[in-house]
Amino acid sequence: MECHLASLCLRYLTFDLFAPSVEEESLKRSVRSGDFSLQDYAVAKWMDHVQTIVTNKSMIPLQEGKDTSAVLREVEIAIEEFASRYESAILESEMTKRAEEDCETFQDFSYYENLLNIWNLACQHASRGSLAKNDISIKELGVAVARNREILERITAETSPHSADNLQLDIFYGDRRFKCPKVTCYYFHEGFKDRTTRDKHISRHDRPFICSFPDCS
């Protein structure tokens, strides 16, 4: 299941929805079709699922041809596509000893180099401290998510609360579509019903005195 979830998140984040330049009308159609329903989860959790695969090596067989070969192929394709899509961001990170040690068991796999580079990006992001963890690990992806959210918020503001269109948006995204941009925040995925409440919440993150206790919000 972890392999399936990792593959799902990685491949989803390579969709054109997250490309640097997409026509706004195309994105609006995607919003109304529910294409962004997985966005918050995939952005926040893809590294967790990759970590589970990398650090729990007994989860997957190290021999090809077993019953899970289809799952391994799925993982291989997802890793290859993700590494290709975000190559510049992944390769700009200096290789860490931790990443090399964690991925050593995968050296005989065809996707070893790509997995190593992706996991190294995750390790580098984690090493930057609790404040950096609030940011989306790949800058280009962060810009795309902010853009996509802004379009969803704008459509929400322009849609009558009791209309059929709004009910459809509720099915895809719930009624709390104004989200906090901090990835580790509960409201990154939970959201608020209006922009004003969300903006007041964000101001709390910007207070000058920050607790030094790890992961304290």
C-alpha atoms as a PDB file:
ATOM      1  CA  MET A   1       0.000   0.000   0.000  1.00  0.00           C
ATOM      2  CA  GLU A   2       2.849   2.402   0.780  1.00  0.00           C
ATOM      3  CA  CYS A   3       4.301   1.675  -2.662  1.00  0.00           C
ATOM      4  CA  HIS A   4       0.932   2.387  -4.264  1.00  0.00           C
ATOM      5  CA  LEU A   5       0.544   5.661  -2.333  1.00  0.00           C
ATOM      6  CA  ALA A   6       4.083   6.775  -3.138  1.00  0.00           C
ATOM      7  CA  SER A   7       3.499   6.028  -6.832  1.00  0.00           C
ATOM      8  CA  LEU A   8       0.143   7.807  -6.814  1.00  0.00           C
ATOM      9  CA  CYS A   9       1.559  10.973  -5.228  1.00  0.00           C
ATOM     10  CA  LEU A  10       4.708  11.120  -7.335  1.00  0.00           C
ATOM     11  CA  ARG A  11       2.911  10.595 -10.652  1.00  0.00           C
ATOM     12  CA  TYR A  12       0.089  12.992  -9.769  1.00  0.00           C
ATOM     13  CA  LEU A  13       2.608  15.770  -9.083  1.00  0.00           C
ATOM     14  CA  THR A  14       3.970  15.400 -12.620  1.00  0.00           C
ATOM     15  CA  PHE A  15       0.599  16.221 -14.208  1.00  0.00           C
ATOM     16  CA  ASP A  16       0.229  19.345 -16.330  1.00  0.00           C
ATOM     17  CA  LEU A  17      -1.736  20.858 -13.427  1.00  0.00           C
ATOM     18  CA  PHE A  18       1.643  21.672 -11.868  1.00  0.00           C
ATOM     19  CA  ALA A  19       3.458  22.847 -14.982  1.00  0.00           C
ATOM     20  CA  PRO A  20       4.968  26.356 -14.765  1.00  0.00           C
ATOM     21  CA  SER A  21       2.852  27.696 -17.617  1.00  0.00           C
ATOM     22  CA  VAL A  22      -0.725  26.494 -18.032  1.00  0.00           C
ATOM     23  CA  GLU A  23      -3.590  28.481 -19.498  1.00  0.00           C
ATOM     24  CA  GLU A  24      -5.883  29.780 -16.773  1.00  0.00           C
ATOM     25  CA  GLU A  25      -8.996  28.540 -18.553  1.00  0.00           C
ATOM     26  CA  SER A  26      -7.529  25.045 -18.569  1.00  0.00           C
ATOM     27  CA  LEU A  27      -6.883  25.249 -14.834  1.00  0.00           C
ATOM     28  CA  LYS A  28     -10.416  26.498 -14.211  1.00  0.00           C
ATOM     29  CA  ARG A  29     -11.790  23.479 -16.062  1.00  0.00           C
ATOM     30  CA  SER A  30      -9.533  21.274 -13.946  1.00  0.00           C
ATOM     31  CA  VAL A  31     -10.867  22.862 -10.765  1.00  0.00           C
ATOM     32  CA  ARG A  32     -14.475  22.210 -11.800  1.00  0.00           C
ATOM     33  CA  SER A  33     -13.599  18.632 -12.765  1.00  0.00           C
ATOM     34  CA  GLY A  34     -12.149  17.906  -9.326  1.00  0.00           C
ATOM     35  CA  ASP A  35      -8.614  17.428 -10.630  1.00  0.00           C
ATOM     36  CA  PHE A  36      -7.089  19.208  -7.621  1.00  0.00           C
ATOM     37  CA  SER A  37      -8.720  16.935  -5.050  1.00  0.00           C
ATOM     38  CA  LEU A  38      -5.446  15.111  -4.344  1.00  0.00           C
ATOM     39  CA  GLN A  39      -3.240  18.205  -4.421  1.00  0.00           C
ATOM     40  CA  ASP A  40      -2.958  18.943  -0.688  1.00  0.00           C
ATOM     41  CA  TYR A  41      -2.366  15.324   0.253  1.00  0.00           C
ATOM     42  CA  ALA A  42       0.189  14.632  -2.470  1.00  0.00           C
ATOM     43  CA  VAL A  43       2.178  17.798  -1.762  1.00  0.00           C
ATOM     44  CA  ALA A  44       2.258  17.215   1.999  1.00  0.00           C
ATOM     45  CA  LYS A  45       2.752  13.445   2.073  1.00  0.00           C
ATOM     46  CA  TRP A  46       4.811  12.281  -0.921  1.00  0.00           C
ATOM     47  CA  MET A  47       8.057  12.416   1.053  1.00  0.00           C
ATOM     48  CA  ASP A  48       6.516  10.414   3.909  1.00  0.00           C
ATOM     49  CA  HIS A  49       5.572   7.557   1.574  1.00  0.00           C
ATOM     50  CA  VAL A  50       8.990   7.573  -0.101  1.00  0.00           C
ATOM     51  CA  GLN A  51      10.573   7.556   3.368  1.00  0.00           C
ATOM     52  CA  THR A  52       8.554   4.484   4.345  1.00  0.00           C
ATOM     53  CA  ILE A  53       9.825   2.620   1.299  1.00  0.00           C
ATOM     54  CA  VAL A  54      13.434   3.705   1.796  1.00  0.00           C
ATOM     55  CA  THR A  55      13.686   3.148   5.551  1.00  0.00           C
ATOM     56  CA  ASN A  56      11.604  -0.045   5.752  1.00  0.00           C
ATOM     57  CA  LYS A  57      13.434  -2.132   3.185  1.00  0.00           C
ATOM     58  CA  SER A  58      11.779  -5.356   4.312  1.00  0.00           C
ATOM     59  CA  MET A  59       8.499  -4.021   2.912  1.00  0.00           C
ATOM     60  CA  ILE A  60       9.453  -4.909  -0.645  1.00  0.00           C
ATOM     61  CA  PRO A  61      11.271  -7.955  -2.055  1.00  0.00           C
ATOM     62  CA  LEU A  62      14.746  -7.384  -3.366  1.00  0.00           C
ATOM     63  CA  GLN A  63      14.341 -10.098  -5.971  1.00  0.00           C
ATOM     64  CA  GLU A  64      12.644  -9.447  -9.298  1.00  0.00           C
ATOM     65  CA  GLY A  65       9.883 -11.756 -10.524  1.00  0.00           C
ATOM     66  CA  LYS A  66       7.924 -12.070  -7.298  1.00  0.00           C
ATOM     67  CA  ASP A  67       4.196 -11.428  -6.926  1.00  0.00           C
ATOM     68  CA  THR A  68       4.782  -7.755  -6.277  1.00  0.00           C
ATOM     69  CA  SER A  69       6.736  -7.167  -9.494  1.00  0.00           C
ATOM     70  CA  ALA A  70       3.817  -5.110 -10.870  1.00  0.00           C
ATOM     71  CA  VAL A  71       3.949  -2.857  -7.807  1.00  0.00           C
ATOM     72  CA  LEU A  72       7.709  -2.472  -8.158  1.00  0.00           C
ATOM     73  CA  ARG A  73       7.269  -1.537 -11.807  1.00  0.00           C
ATOM     74  CA  GLU A  74       4.687   1.043 -10.747  1.00  0.00           C
ATOM     75  CA  VAL A  75       7.168   2.525  -8.282  1.00  0.00           C
ATOM     76  CA  GLU A  76       9.922   2.533 -10.891  1.00  0.00           C
ATOM     77  CA  ILE A  77       7.786   4.453 -13.405  1.00  0.00           C
ATOM     78  CA  ALA A  78       6.653   6.963 -10.781  1.00  0.00           C
ATOM     79  CA  ILE A  79      10.196   7.619  -9.567  1.00  0.00           C
ATOM     80  CA  GLU A  80      11.474   7.985 -13.134  1.00  0.00           C
ATOM     81  CA  GLU A  81       8.716  10.440 -14.099  1.00  0.00           C
ATOM     82  CA  PHE A  82       9.071  12.509 -10.931  1.00  0.00           C
ATOM     83  CA  ALA A  83      12.868  12.662 -11.226  1.00  0.00           C
ATOM     84  CA  SER A  84      12.588  13.754 -14.854  1.00  0.00           C
ATOM     85  CA  ARG A  85       9.904  16.362 -14.164  1.00  0.00           C
ATOM     86  CA  TYR A  86      11.761  18.038 -11.268  1.00  0.00           C
ATOM     87  CA  GLU A  87      15.303  17.192 -12.363  1.00  0.00           C
ATOM     88  CA  SER A  88      16.811  20.655 -11.881  1.00  0.00           C
ATOM     89  CA  ALA A  89      15.514  20.989  -8.304  1.00  0.00           C
ATOM     90  CA  ILE A  90      16.514  17.451  -7.373  1.00  0.00           C
ATOM     91  CA  LEU A  91      20.049  17.608  -8.756  1.00  0.00           C
ATOM     92  CA  GLU A  92      20.919  21.000  -7.256  1.00  0.00           C
ATOM     93  CA  SER A  93      21.017  19.496  -3.755  1.00  0.00           C
ATOM     94  CA  GLU A  94      24.429  18.331  -2.528  1.00  0.00           C
ATOM     95  CA  MET A  95      24.444  14.595  -1.893  1.00  0.00           C
ATOM     96  CA  THR A  96      24.185  13.625   1.772  1.00  0.00           C
ATOM     97  CA  LYS A  97      25.751  10.607   3.453  1.00  0.00           C
ATOM     98  CA  ARG A  98      22.391   9.760   4.996  1.00  0.00           C
ATOM     99  CA  ALA A  99      20.723   9.443   1.578  1.00  0.00           C
ATOM    100  CA  GLU A 100      23.515   7.208   0.293  1.00  0.00           C
ATOM    101  CA  GLU A 101      23.310   4.953   3.340  1.00  0.00           C
ATOM    102  CA  ASP A 102      19.495   4.744   3.270  1.00  0.00           C
ATOM    103  CA  CYS A 103      19.404   3.830  -0.434  1.00  0.00           C
ATOM    104  CA  GLU A 104      22.349   1.427  -0.429  1.00  0.00           C
ATOM    105  CA  THR A 105      20.074  -1.615  -0.477  1.00  0.00           C
ATOM    106  CA  PHE A 106      18.491  -0.431  -3.721  1.00  0.00           C
ATOM    107  CA  GLN A 107      21.725  -0.322  -5.734  1.00  0.00           C
ATOM    108  CA  ASP A 108      20.696  -3.273  -7.912  1.00  0.00           C
ATOM    109  CA  PHE A 109      17.409  -1.671  -8.905  1.00  0.00           C
ATOM    110  CA  SER A 110      17.130   0.159 -12.207  1.00  0.00           C
ATOM    111  CA  TYR A 111      15.664   3.211 -10.470  1.00  0.00           C
ATOM    112  CA  TYR A 112      18.440   3.463  -7.865  1.00  0.00           C
ATOM    113  CA  GLU A 113      19.961   6.748  -9.080  1.00  0.00           C
ATOM    114  CA  ASN A 114      16.592   8.476  -9.341  1.00  0.00           C
ATOM    115  CA  LEU A 115      15.473   7.189  -5.933  1.00  0.00           C
ATOM    116  CA  LEU A 116      18.775   8.311  -4.404  1.00  0.00           C
ATOM    117  CA  ASN A 117      18.423  11.830  -5.788  1.00  0.00           C
ATOM    118  CA  ILE A 118      14.775  12.148  -4.767  1.00  0.00           C
ATOM    119  CA  TRP A 119      15.460  10.875  -1.263  1.00  0.00           C
ATOM    120  CA  ASN A 120      18.466  13.163  -0.988  1.00  0.00           C
ATOM    121  CA  LEU A 121      16.176  16.127  -1.734  1.00  0.00           C
ATOM    122  CA  ALA A 122      13.874  14.985   1.065  1.00  0.00           C
ATOM    123  CA  CYS A 123      16.816  14.603   3.473  1.00  0.00           C
ATOM    124  CA  GLN A 124      18.123  18.064   2.605  1.00  0.00           C
ATOM    125  CA  HIS A 125      14.671  19.559   3.161  1.00  0.00           C
ATOM    126  CA  ALA A 126      14.316  17.854   6.539  1.00  0.00           C
ATOM    127  CA  SER A 127      17.741  19.096   7.659  1.00  0.00           C
ATOM    128  CA  ARG A 128      16.816  22.755   7.214  1.00  0.00           C
ATOM    129  CA  GLY A 129      14.852  22.882  10.462  1.00  0.00           C
ATOM    130  CA  SER A 130      11.230  23.219  11.535  1.00  0.00           C
ATOM    131  CA  LEU A 131      10.622  26.569   9.822  1.00  0.00           C
ATOM    132  CA  ALA A 132      11.821  25.300   6.434  1.00  0.00           C
ATOM    133  CA  LYS A 133       9.554  22.270   6.759  1.00  0.00           C
ATOM    134  CA  ASN A 134       6.626  24.671   6.452  1.00  0.00           C
ATOM    135  CA  ASP A 135       7.614  25.336   2.846  1.00  0.00           C
ATOM    136  CA  ILE A 136       6.935  23.015  -0.073  1.00  0.00           C
ATOM    137  CA  SER A 137      10.222  21.225  -0.760  1.00  0.00           C
ATOM    138  CA  ILE A 138      10.383  22.082  -4.483  1.00  0.00           C
ATOM    139  CA  LYS A 139      10.101  25.794  -5.262  1.00  0.00           C
ATOM    140  CA  GLU A 140       8.527  25.304  -8.692  1.00  0.00           C
ATOM    141  CA  LEU A 141       5.906  23.019  -7.182  1.00  0.00           C
ATOM    142  CA  GLY A 142       5.196  25.541  -4.438  1.00  0.00           C
ATOM    143  CA  VAL A 143       4.551  28.271  -7.013  1.00  0.00           C
ATOM    144  CA  ALA A 144       2.162  25.999  -8.915  1.00  0.00           C
ATOM    145  CA  VAL A 145       0.237  25.036  -5.778  1.00  0.00           C
ATOM    146  CA  ALA A 146      -0.171  28.681  -4.755  1.00  0.00           C
ATOM    147  CA  ARG A 147      -1.438  29.480  -8.254  1.00  0.00           C
ATOM    148  CA  ASN A 148      -3.873  26.555  -8.265  1.00  0.00           C
ATOM    149  CA  ARG A 149      -5.224  27.446  -4.843  1.00  0.00           C
ATOM    150  CA  GLU A 150      -5.728  31.056  -5.845  1.00  0.00           C
ATOM    151  CA  ILE A 151      -7.825  29.969  -8.825  1.00  0.00           C
ATOM    152  CA  LEU A 152      -9.934  27.654  -6.648  1.00  0.00           C
ATOM    153  CA  GLU A 153     -10.476  30.461  -4.135  1.00  0.00           C
ATOM    154  CA  ARG A 154     -11.455  32.879  -6.883  1.00  0.00           C
ATOM    155  CA  ILE A 155     -13.970  30.429  -8.351  1.00  0.00           C
ATOM    156  CA  THR A 156     -15.358  29.847  -4.857  1.00  0.00           C
ATOM    157  CA  ALA A 157     -15.805  33.584  -4.304  1.00  0.00           C
ATOM    158  CA  GLU A 158     -17.556  33.958  -7.663  1.00  0.00           C
ATOM    159  CA  THR A 159     -19.910  30.986  -7.177  1.00  0.00           C
ATOM    160  CA  SER A 160     -23.269  31.325  -5.428  1.00  0.00           C
ATOM    161  CA  PRO A 161     -23.200  29.346  -2.137  1.00  0.00           C
ATOM    162  CA  HIS A 162     -26.428  27.479  -2.903  1.00  0.00           C
ATOM    163  CA  SER A 163     -25.832  26.818  -6.594  1.00  0.00           C
ATOM    164  CA  ALA A 164     -25.350  23.414  -8.180  1.00  0.00           C
ATOM    165  CA  ASP A 165     -21.798  24.429  -9.142  1.00  0.00           C
ATOM    166  CA  ASN A 166     -20.932  25.146  -5.523  1.00  0.00           C
ATOM    167  CA  LEU A 167     -22.416  21.850  -4.365  1.00  0.00           C
ATOM    168  CA  GLN A 168     -20.224  20.105  -6.924  1.00  0.00           C
ATOM    169  CA  LEU A 169     -17.162  21.929  -5.595  1.00  0.00           C
ATOM    170  CA  ASP A 170     -18.164  20.798  -2.084  1.00  0.00           C
ATOM    171  CA  ILE A 171     -18.071  17.190  -3.260  1.00  0.00           C
ATOM    172  CA  PHE A 172     -14.554  17.585  -4.651  1.00  0.00           C
ATOM    173  CA  TYR A 173     -12.986  19.954  -2.129  1.00  0.00           C
ATOM    174  CA  GLY A 174     -15.292  20.285   0.882  1.00  0.00           C
ATOM    175  CA  ASP A 175     -16.574  23.664   2.057  1.00  0.00           C
ATOM    176  CA  ARG A 176     -13.256  24.823   3.575  1.00  0.00           C
ATOM    177  CA  ARG A 177     -11.301  25.810   0.494  1.00  0.00           C
ATOM    178  CA  PHE A 178      -9.189  28.664   1.861  1.00  0.00           C
ATOM    179  CA  LYS A 179      -6.004  26.941   3.027  1.00  0.00           C
ATOM    180  CA  CYS A 180      -2.925  27.856   5.047  1.00  0.00           C
ATOM    181  CA  PRO A 181       0.243  27.770   2.900  1.00  0.00           C
ATOM    182  CA  LYS A 182       2.341  26.183   5.688  1.00  0.00           C
ATOM    183  CA  VAL A 183       2.701  22.487   4.852  1.00  0.00           C
ATOM    184  CA  THR A 184       3.034  21.279   8.454  1.00  0.00           C
ATOM    185  CA  CYS A 185       0.022  23.285   9.618  1.00  0.00           C
ATOM    186  CA  TYR A 186      -3.252  21.468  10.285  1.00  0.00           C
ATOM    187  CA  TYR A 187      -5.030  24.054   8.145  1.00  0.00           C
ATOM    188  CA  PHE A 188      -2.854  23.310   5.117  1.00  0.00           C
ATOM    189  CA  HIS A 189      -5.384  20.598   4.297  1.00  0.00           C
ATOM    190  CA  GLU A 190      -8.291  21.436   6.614  1.00  0.00           C
ATOM    191  CA  GLY A 191      -8.745  25.046   5.498  1.00  0.00           C
ATOM    192  CA  PHE A 192     -11.303  27.733   6.314  1.00  0.00           C
ATOM    193  CA  LYS A 193     -14.650  28.742   4.852  1.00  0.00           C
ATOM    194  CA  ASP A 194     -13.572  32.250   3.909  1.00  0.00           C
ATOM    195  CA  ARG A 195     -10.489  34.252   3.004  1.00  0.00           C
ATOM    196  CA  THR A 196     -10.681  36.646   5.977  1.00  0.00           C
ATOM    197  CA  THR A 197     -10.504  33.878   8.585  1.00  0.00           C
ATOM    198  CA  ARG A 198      -7.661  32.203   6.696  1.00  0.00           C
ATOM    199  CA  ASP A 199      -5.669  35.452   6.484  1.00  0.00           C
ATOM    200  CA  LYS A 200      -6.080  36.047  10.228  1.00  0.00           C
ATOM    201  CA  HIS A 201      -4.775  32.553  10.851  1.00  0.00           C
ATOM    202  CA  ILE A 202      -1.741  33.099   8.599  1.00  0.00           C
ATOM    203  CA  SER A 203      -0.792  36.194  10.582  1.00  0.00           C
ATOM    204  CA  ARG A 204      -0.199  33.921  13.584  1.00  0.00           C
ATOM    205  CA  HIS A 205       2.579  32.175  11.681  1.00  0.00           C
ATOM    206  CA  ASP A 206       4.268  35.525  11.093  1.00  0.00           C
ATOM    207  CA  ARG A 207       4.533  36.591  14.720  1.00  0.00           C
ATOM    208  CA  PRO A 208       8.081  37.649  15.645  1.00  0.00           C
ATOM    209  CA  PHE A 209       8.475  35.313  18.630  1.00  0.00           C
ATOM    210  CA  ILE A 210       8.613  31.659  17.631  1.00  0.00           C
ATOM    211  CA  CYS A 211       8.701  28.758  20.078  1.00  0.00           C
ATOM    212  CA  SER A 212      12.037  26.938  19.956  1.00  0.00           C
ATOM    213  CA  PHE A 213      10.428  23.613  20.883  1.00  0.00           C
ATOM    214  CA  PRO A 214      10.501  21.308  17.809  1.00  0.00           C
ATOM    215  CA  ASP A 215       7.261  21.164  15.812  1.00  0.00           C
ATOM    216  CA  CYS A 216       5.412  23.526  18.145  1.00  0.00           C
ATOM    217  CA  SER A 217       2.805  25.506  16.192  1.00  0.00           C
END
